[in-house]
Protein backbone atom coordinates (compact mmCIF):
# COMPACT_ATOMS: atom_id res chain seq x y z
CA MET A 1 5.96 30.35 31.29
CA GLY A 2 9.12 30.56 33.39
CA GLY A 3 9.94 27.44 35.31
CA ILE A 4 7.52 25.19 33.42
CA LYS A 5 9.17 22.91 30.92
CA SER A 6 7.11 21.63 28.05
CA PRO A 7 7.32 17.84 27.56
CA TRP A 8 8.24 18.61 23.96
CA ASP A 9 11.23 20.87 24.76
CA ASP A 10 13.70 18.05 24.15
CA VAL A 11 11.97 16.57 21.10
CA ASP A 12 13.55 17.10 17.70
CA ILE A 13 10.48 18.25 15.77
CA LEU A 14 10.41 17.68 12.02
CA TYR A 15 7.65 18.68 9.65
CA ILE A 16 6.31 15.86 7.52
CA THR A 17 3.71 15.73 4.81
CA LEU A 18 1.46 12.70 4.97
CA LYS A 19 -0.47 11.93 1.80
CA TYR A 20 -1.83 8.38 1.76
CA TRP A 21 1.36 6.55 2.77
CA GLU A 22 3.82 9.06 1.23
CA ILE A 23 6.25 10.62 3.69
CA GLY A 24 7.73 13.85 2.44
CA ARG A 25 10.74 15.34 4.16
CA ILE A 26 12.34 12.85 6.53
CA ARG A 27 15.36 12.58 8.71
CA LYS A 28 17.36 9.37 8.60
CA ALA A 29 17.33 7.57 11.90
CA THR A 30 18.38 4.15 13.12
CA MET A 31 15.36 2.73 11.30
CA GLN A 32 15.71 4.39 7.91
CA GLY A 33 12.53 5.45 6.20
CA ILE A 34 10.57 6.29 9.32
CA SER A 35 10.44 9.82 10.64
CA ARG A 36 9.87 11.61 13.90
CA ILE A 37 6.50 13.31 13.96
CA GLU A 38 5.20 16.73 14.81
CA ALA A 39 3.94 16.95 18.36
CA PRO A 40 0.88 19.25 18.49
CA GLN A 41 -1.35 17.18 16.21
CA ASN A 42 -3.17 13.89 16.66
CA LEU A 43 -0.29 11.62 17.59
CA THR A 44 -2.14 8.36 17.02
CA LYS A 45 -3.14 9.39 13.49
CA LEU A 46 0.36 10.57 12.64
CA ALA A 47 1.94 7.44 14.11
CA TYR A 48 -0.49 5.33 12.10
CA GLU A 49 0.32 7.11 8.82
CA SER A 50 4.08 7.07 9.45
CA ILE A 51 4.25 3.37 10.40
CA LYS A 52 1.96 2.38 7.52
CA ALA A 53 4.11 4.27 5.04
CA TYR A 54 7.22 2.66 6.48
CA ILE A 55 6.02 -0.94 6.24
CA LEU A 56 4.70 -0.47 2.70
CA ARG A 57 7.80 1.35 1.43
CA GLU A 58 10.66 -0.47 3.15
CA ASN A 59 12.08 -3.89 2.33
CA LEU A 60 11.07 -5.60 5.54
CA ASP A 61 10.36 -9.30 5.65
CA GLU A 62 7.79 -11.21 7.66
CA ASP A 63 10.33 -12.08 10.35
CA THR A 64 11.31 -8.47 11.10
CA ARG A 65 10.26 -7.72 14.68
CA LEU A 66 8.71 -4.32 15.34
CA THR A 67 8.31 -3.22 18.95
CA GLU A 68 6.47 -0.35 20.57
CA GLU A 69 9.69 0.76 22.25
CA LEU A 70 11.69 0.92 19.03
CA LEU A 71 8.96 2.65 17.05
CA SER A 72 8.18 5.19 19.77
CA LYS A 73 11.88 6.01 20.06
CA GLN A 74 12.23 6.55 16.32
CA LEU A 75 9.05 8.65 16.12
CA GLY A 76 9.95 10.66 19.21
CA ILE A 77 6.66 10.02 21.01
CA SER A 78 5.32 7.88 23.85
CA LYS A 79 4.29 4.23 23.43
CA SER A 80 0.56 4.83 23.83
CA PRO A 81 -0.17 6.36 20.38
CA VAL A 82 2.20 3.83 18.79
CA ARG A 83 0.28 0.97 20.45
CA GLU A 84 -3.03 2.35 19.16
CA ALA A 85 -1.59 2.74 15.66
CA LEU A 86 -0.27 -0.83 15.64
CA ASN A 87 -3.65 -2.14 16.77
CA SER A 88 -5.35 -0.27 13.92
CA LEU A 89 -2.90 -1.63 11.35
CA SER A 90 -3.44 -5.12 12.72
CA THR A 91 -7.21 -4.71 12.42
CA GLU A 92 -6.73 -3.62 8.82
CA GLY A 93 -4.82 -6.81 8.04
CA LEU A 94 -1.36 -5.30 7.55
CA LEU A 95 0.32 -6.47 10.76
CA ARG A 96 0.12 -9.45 13.07
CA ILE A 97 0.57 -8.94 16.81
CA GLU A 98 2.10 -11.79 18.77
CA PRO A 99 1.70 -11.36 22.56
CA ARG A 100 4.99 -11.00 24.44
CA ARG A 101 6.92 -11.29 21.18
CA GLY A 102 6.21 -8.20 19.14
CA VAL A 103 4.61 -7.08 15.92
CA TYR A 104 5.36 -8.54 12.49
CA LEU A 105 4.23 -8.05 8.91
CA ARG A 106 1.28 -10.18 7.98
CA ARG A 107 1.87 -13.36 5.99
CA PHE A 108 -0.65 -13.98 3.22
CA SER A 109 -1.82 -17.45 2.26
CA ARG A 110 -2.59 -18.33 -1.33
CA LYS A 111 -6.32 -18.28 -0.62
CA GLU A 112 -6.07 -14.89 1.10
CA VAL A 113 -4.33 -13.44 -1.94
CA LEU A 114 -7.03 -14.83 -4.22
CA ASP A 115 -9.76 -13.49 -1.94
CA LEU A 116 -8.20 -10.02 -1.93
CA TYR A 117 -7.87 -9.89 -5.71
CA ASN A 118 -11.38 -11.23 -6.26
CA LEU A 119 -12.76 -8.56 -3.93
CA ARG A 120 -10.68 -5.89 -5.63
CA GLU A 121 -11.93 -7.00 -9.03
CA ALA A 122 -15.56 -6.82 -7.93
CA LEU A 123 -15.11 -3.34 -6.41
CA GLU A 124 -13.06 -1.82 -9.24
CA VAL A 125 -15.19 -3.23 -12.06
CA TYR A 126 -18.22 -1.76 -10.31
CA ALA A 127 -16.43 1.56 -9.69
CA VAL A 128 -15.45 2.03 -13.33
CA SER A 129 -19.07 1.44 -14.38
CA VAL A 130 -20.60 4.06 -12.07
CA ALA A 131 -17.85 6.70 -11.86
CA GLU A 132 -19.05 10.19 -12.76
CA LEU A 133 -16.95 11.06 -15.79
CA THR A 134 -15.88 14.63 -16.41
CA PRO A 135 -13.37 16.12 -18.87
CA ARG A 136 -11.16 16.99 -15.92
CA LEU A 137 -11.21 13.41 -14.57
CA LEU A 138 -10.39 11.91 -17.96
CA ALA A 139 -7.57 14.40 -18.45
CA GLU A 140 -6.13 13.52 -15.03
CA MET A 141 -6.33 9.82 -15.82
CA ARG A 142 -4.58 10.33 -19.16
CA LYS A 143 -1.82 12.32 -17.42
CA SER A 144 -1.48 9.54 -14.87
CA VAL A 145 -0.87 7.02 -17.66
CA GLN A 146 1.85 9.26 -19.08
CA ARG A 147 3.48 9.67 -15.68
CA THR A 148 3.40 5.91 -15.16
CA ARG A 149 5.32 5.35 -18.40
CA LYS A 150 7.96 7.88 -17.39
CA LEU A 151 8.32 6.42 -13.90
CA LEU A 152 8.78 2.91 -15.28
CA LYS A 153 11.35 4.14 -17.78
CA ALA A 154 13.19 5.90 -14.95
CA ARG A 155 12.97 2.75 -12.83
CA ASP A 156 11.33 4.79 -10.06
CA ARG A 157 9.68 1.92 -8.22
CA GLN A 158 8.16 3.91 -5.37
CA GLY A 159 6.97 6.66 -7.66
CA HIS A 160 5.28 4.11 -9.90
CA ILE A 161 3.54 2.40 -6.98
CA GLU A 162 2.18 5.73 -5.78
CA GLU A 163 1.05 6.75 -9.26
CA ASP A 164 -0.61 3.36 -9.79
CA THR A 165 -2.52 3.82 -6.54
CA ARG A 166 -3.46 7.36 -7.54
CA PHE A 167 -4.90 6.18 -10.89
CA HIS A 168 -7.22 3.72 -9.20
CA GLU A 169 -8.15 6.29 -6.53
CA LEU A 170 -9.24 8.73 -9.24
CA ILE A 171 -11.82 6.20 -10.37
CA SER A 172 -13.05 5.17 -6.92
CA LYS A 173 -13.42 8.77 -5.74
CA ALA A 174 -15.40 9.60 -8.87
CA THR A 175 -18.10 7.18 -7.69
CA GLY A 176 -18.92 9.48 -4.78
CA ASN A 177 -19.16 6.37 -2.59
CA ALA A 178 -17.06 7.02 0.53
CA GLU A 179 -17.54 3.49 1.86
CA LEU A 180 -16.34 1.93 -1.37
CA CYS A 181 -13.28 4.21 -1.30
CA ARG A 182 -12.50 3.18 2.29
CA VAL A 183 -12.78 -0.55 1.64
CA LEU A 184 -10.90 -0.40 -1.65
CA SER A 185 -8.10 1.63 -0.07
CA ASN A 186 -7.60 -1.04 2.57
CA VAL A 187 -7.70 -3.84 -0.02
CA GLN A 188 -5.10 -1.98 -2.09
CA SER A 189 -2.81 -1.61 0.94
CA GLN A 190 -3.01 -5.33 1.70
CA ILE A 191 -2.32 -6.18 -1.93
CA TRP A 192 0.72 -3.92 -2.09
CA LEU A 193 2.01 -5.50 1.10
CA CYS A 194 1.81 -9.01 -0.34
CA ARG A 195 3.28 -8.07 -3.73
CA ARG A 196 5.76 -5.31 -2.82
CA LYS A 197 8.72 -7.62 -3.45
CA THR A 198 7.22 -9.11 -6.60
CA TYR A 199 6.64 -5.69 -8.14
CA ASP A 200 8.65 -6.47 -11.29
CA LEU A 201 6.40 -9.41 -12.19
CA SER A 202 3.65 -7.25 -13.70
CA SER A 203 4.54 -3.57 -13.30
CA SER A 204 5.45 -3.13 -16.99
CA SER A 205 1.87 -3.88 -18.05
CA ALA A 206 0.35 -0.99 -16.06
CA PRO A 207 0.62 1.82 -18.66
CA SER A 208 -1.03 -0.26 -21.38
CA ALA A 209 -3.74 -1.56 -19.05
CA HIS A 210 -4.50 1.87 -17.63
CA GLY A 211 -4.49 3.34 -21.13
CA SER A 212 -7.10 0.81 -22.28
CA ILE A 213 -9.34 1.73 -19.36
CA VAL A 214 -9.06 5.44 -20.11
CA ALA A 215 -9.65 4.93 -23.84
CA ALA A 216 -12.86 3.00 -23.16
CA LEU A 217 -14.10 5.68 -20.74
CA GLU A 218 -13.30 8.44 -23.24
CA GLN A 219 -15.41 6.62 -25.81
CA GLY A 220 -18.27 6.22 -23.32
CA ASP A 221 -18.04 2.43 -23.55
CA ALA A 222 -18.75 1.26 -19.99
CA LYS A 223 -18.65 -2.43 -20.89
CA ALA A 224 -15.24 -2.10 -22.53
CA ALA A 225 -13.96 -0.18 -19.50
CA GLN A 226 -15.21 -2.94 -17.20
CA ALA A 227 -13.57 -5.61 -19.36
CA ALA A 228 -10.28 -3.68 -19.40
CA MET A 229 -10.32 -3.30 -15.62
CA ARG A 230 -11.14 -6.98 -15.12
CA SER A 231 -8.33 -8.02 -17.46
CA HIS A 232 -5.85 -5.69 -15.72
CA ILE A 233 -6.54 -7.08 -12.26
CA ALA A 234 -6.60 -10.69 -13.48
CA HIS A 235 -3.20 -10.25 -15.14
CA VAL A 236 -1.54 -9.09 -11.91
CA ARG A 237 -3.33 -11.76 -9.86
CA GLU A 238 -2.24 -14.57 -12.16
CA HIS A 239 1.42 -13.48 -12.09
CA LEU A 240 1.45 -13.32 -8.31
CA ILE A 241 -0.28 -16.69 -7.88
CA THR A 242 2.10 -18.28 -10.38
CA PHE A 243 4.99 -16.96 -8.34
CA MET A 244 3.50 -18.34 -5.14
CA ASP A 245 3.07 -21.72 -6.77
CA SER A 246 6.66 -21.83 -7.97
CA ALA A 247 9.35 -23.63 -6.01
CA ASP A 248 10.95 -20.40 -4.80
CA GLY A 249 7.72 -18.76 -3.73
CA VAL A 250 6.09 -21.51 -1.72
CA ASN A 251 6.79 -21.89 1.97
CA SER A 252 5.42 -25.40 2.29
CA PRO A 253 3.48 -27.77 0.02
CA SER A 254 -0.24 -28.19 0.40
CA ARG A 255 -2.65 -30.45 -1.42
CA ASN A 256 -5.24 -27.81 -2.10
CA GLY A 257 -2.93 -24.79 -2.00
CA ALA A 258 -5.00 -23.03 0.66
CA GLU A 259 -2.24 -22.95 3.23
CA LYS A 260 0.60 -21.79 1.01
CA THR A 261 2.11 -18.56 2.21
CA LEU A 262 3.97 -15.87 0.37
CA ARG A 263 7.60 -16.05 1.48
CA ILE A 264 9.87 -13.94 -0.67
CA PRO A 265 13.57 -14.90 -0.61
CA ARG A 266 15.72 -12.19 0.90
CA ARG A 267 17.88 -10.18 -1.46
CA SER A 268 21.41 -11.44 -1.90
CA ALA A 269 24.22 -9.14 -0.87
CA GLY A 270 25.04 -6.52 -3.50
């Protein structure tokens, strides 16, 4: 209508595709890797997905300060949906909010990492035992293993992380248990946050581990599939804990190890 200016007239609208934490087409801004979002939809949901993808994909450290003002400016929206998104991510265990200071990535203690992996093991071993197997599912899982090998060979870190997540989602969704899928998705996000900079410690074992799980399922051997899943998760857990216990990975000594936190050294220049 003439004379009435839409609040979105001055907003540079970009179309983005949000699938899990994958951001499709983006425009580089001051904070690279985070994109402005489309106005007419649910702003809180889009802010949540965009910020979540950013913190899981980018090489931030636990001391990087995120503010509502900075995020809202980069996303091209008001602070209110950003605040709600940050609160949700904090509730999910991905961020920590410090009053009057800002928002930071969560730091994980040694015990918290163990708790997460133990919970993941229980959920995924159960999932692989009750998943409804179909020829289509098994074919998709086999293709996922092949894609994982190619992504590792191409040194496509982000592509491999997304394919790894997709493989495990195929199994959890096949259970038909929406609550299990929701909880496991959150556990996976927390785990990727605490191991995103230690990716190279165990990534090379994924194709073989995933292949063993698929082979057992194709043979109808539920117990072998459970054992393969348990071994896969234990392998990654042990590598991460070993790293945390090493001199470079421990923030401060502790007699029982419960208060050790994952502090990854920053990358050297070049």
